[in-house]
Amino acid sequence: MPTLFRFLVICAVIGGSIYGAMWALALFVSPQPREITIRIPSERINPPATANPATGNPPVTGALKQ
């Protein structure tokens, strides 16, 4: 039984150390805010229209009429 108790104590000490390190980082370290610019290609925002290869018809834009 002493080896099991020693193992559990060592695991508790390691877990407590990790928990304490995370707590200290969360308390004492603050991120510096800064502006971020992300460039998005125009093809992702407004993809080019393509014809329907099955029918050869031009792409449908706007509302569909039935």
C-alpha atoms as a PDB file:
ATOM      1  CA  MET A   1       0.000   0.000   0.000  1.00  0.00           C
ATOM      2  CA  PRO A   2       2.844   2.496   0.540  1.00  0.00           C
ATOM      3  CA  THR A   3       3.724   2.497  -3.171  1.00  0.00           C
ATOM      4  CA  LEU A   4       0.120   3.329  -4.116  1.00  0.00           C
ATOM      5  CA  PHE A   5       0.038   6.155  -1.563  1.00  0.00           C
ATOM      6  CA  ARG A   6       3.398   7.481  -2.829  1.00  0.00           C
ATOM      7  CA  PHE A   7       2.139   7.325  -6.441  1.00  0.00           C
ATOM      8  CA  LEU A   8      -1.048   9.226  -5.561  1.00  0.00           C
ATOM      9  CA  VAL A   9       0.931  11.869  -3.665  1.00  0.00           C
ATOM     10  CA  ILE A  10       3.306  12.350  -6.600  1.00  0.00           C
ATOM     11  CA  CYS A  11       0.333  12.648  -9.003  1.00  0.00           C
ATOM     12  CA  ALA A  12      -1.325  15.172  -6.682  1.00  0.00           C
ATOM     13  CA  VAL A  13       1.859  17.245  -6.468  1.00  0.00           C
ATOM     14  CA  ILE A  14       2.296  17.242 -10.264  1.00  0.00           C
ATOM     15  CA  GLY A  15      -1.390  18.110 -10.780  1.00  0.00           C
ATOM     16  CA  GLY A  16      -1.209  20.873  -8.175  1.00  0.00           C
ATOM     17  CA  SER A  17       1.899  22.300  -9.809  1.00  0.00           C
ATOM     18  CA  ILE A  18       0.200  22.369 -13.208  1.00  0.00           C
ATOM     19  CA  TYR A  19      -2.922  23.943 -11.718  1.00  0.00           C
ATOM     20  CA  GLY A  20      -0.841  26.559  -9.891  1.00  0.00           C
ATOM     21  CA  ALA A  21       1.103  27.422 -13.041  1.00  0.00           C
ATOM     22  CA  MET A  22      -2.106  27.893 -15.016  1.00  0.00           C
ATOM     23  CA  TRP A  23      -3.613  30.013 -12.248  1.00  0.00           C
ATOM     24  CA  ALA A  24      -0.495  32.205 -12.102  1.00  0.00           C
ATOM     25  CA  LEU A  25      -0.471  32.667 -15.885  1.00  0.00           C
ATOM     26  CA  ALA A  26      -4.155  33.600 -15.911  1.00  0.00           C
ATOM     27  CA  LEU A  27      -3.720  36.061 -13.043  1.00  0.00           C
ATOM     28  CA  PHE A  28      -0.431  37.780 -13.856  1.00  0.00           C
ATOM     29  CA  VAL A  29      -0.189  37.706 -17.674  1.00  0.00           C
ATOM     30  CA  SER A  30      -2.486  39.931 -19.694  1.00  0.00           C
ATOM     31  CA  PRO A  31      -2.626  39.899 -23.506  1.00  0.00           C
ATOM     32  CA  GLN A  32      -1.753  43.047 -25.419  1.00  0.00           C
ATOM     33  CA  PRO A  33      -4.615  44.066 -27.722  1.00  0.00           C
ATOM     34  CA  ARG A  34      -3.675  44.907 -31.294  1.00  0.00           C
ATOM     35  CA  GLU A  35      -5.378  45.327 -34.628  1.00  0.00           C
ATOM     36  CA  ILE A  36      -5.412  42.411 -37.023  1.00  0.00           C
ATOM     37  CA  THR A  37      -6.064  42.698 -40.748  1.00  0.00           C
ATOM     38  CA  ILE A  38      -7.026  39.590 -42.667  1.00  0.00           C
ATOM     39  CA  ARG A  39      -7.117  39.824 -46.438  1.00  0.00           C
ATOM     40  CA  ILE A  40      -9.892  37.780 -48.050  1.00  0.00           C
ATOM     41  CA  PRO A  41      -9.641  37.138 -51.795  1.00  0.00           C
ATOM     42  CA  SER A  42     -12.546  38.557 -53.764  1.00  0.00           C
ATOM     43  CA  GLU A  43     -13.208  35.100 -55.229  1.00  0.00           C
ATOM     44  CA  ARG A  44     -14.248  33.865 -51.784  1.00  0.00           C
ATOM     45  CA  ILE A  45     -16.631  36.763 -51.193  1.00  0.00           C
ATOM     46  CA  ASN A  46     -18.105  36.992 -54.694  1.00  0.00           C
ATOM     47  CA  PRO A  47     -17.349  33.797 -56.631  1.00  0.00           C
ATOM     48  CA  PRO A  48     -17.437  34.073 -60.419  1.00  0.00           C
ATOM     49  CA  ALA A  49     -20.602  32.760 -62.043  1.00  0.00           C
ATOM     50  CA  THR A  50     -20.214  29.635 -64.154  1.00  0.00           C
ATOM     51  CA  ALA A  51     -22.533  28.075 -66.709  1.00  0.00           C
ATOM     52  CA  ASN A  52     -24.363  24.852 -65.969  1.00  0.00           C
ATOM     53  CA  PRO A  53     -22.281  22.194 -67.770  1.00  0.00           C
ATOM     54  CA  ALA A  54     -25.224  19.779 -68.073  1.00  0.00           C
ATOM     55  CA  THR A  55     -27.534  22.156 -69.940  1.00  0.00           C
ATOM     56  CA  GLY A  56     -25.156  24.809 -71.215  1.00  0.00           C
ATOM     57  CA  ASN A  57     -27.453  27.508 -69.847  1.00  0.00           C
ATOM     58  CA  PRO A  58     -26.007  30.675 -68.342  1.00  0.00           C
ATOM     59  CA  PRO A  59     -26.054  30.907 -64.530  1.00  0.00           C
ATOM     60  CA  VAL A  60     -29.259  31.986 -62.834  1.00  0.00           C
ATOM     61  CA  THR A  61     -29.015  35.230 -60.873  1.00  0.00           C
ATOM     62  CA  GLY A  62     -31.605  36.884 -58.697  1.00  0.00           C
ATOM     63  CA  ALA A  63     -34.923  35.335 -57.708  1.00  0.00           C
ATOM     64  CA  LEU A  64     -36.220  32.295 -59.507  1.00  0.00           C
ATOM     65  CA  LYS A  65     -39.518  32.755 -61.352  1.00  0.00           C
ATOM     66  CA  GLN A  66     -41.924  29.858 -61.533  1.00  0.00           C
END
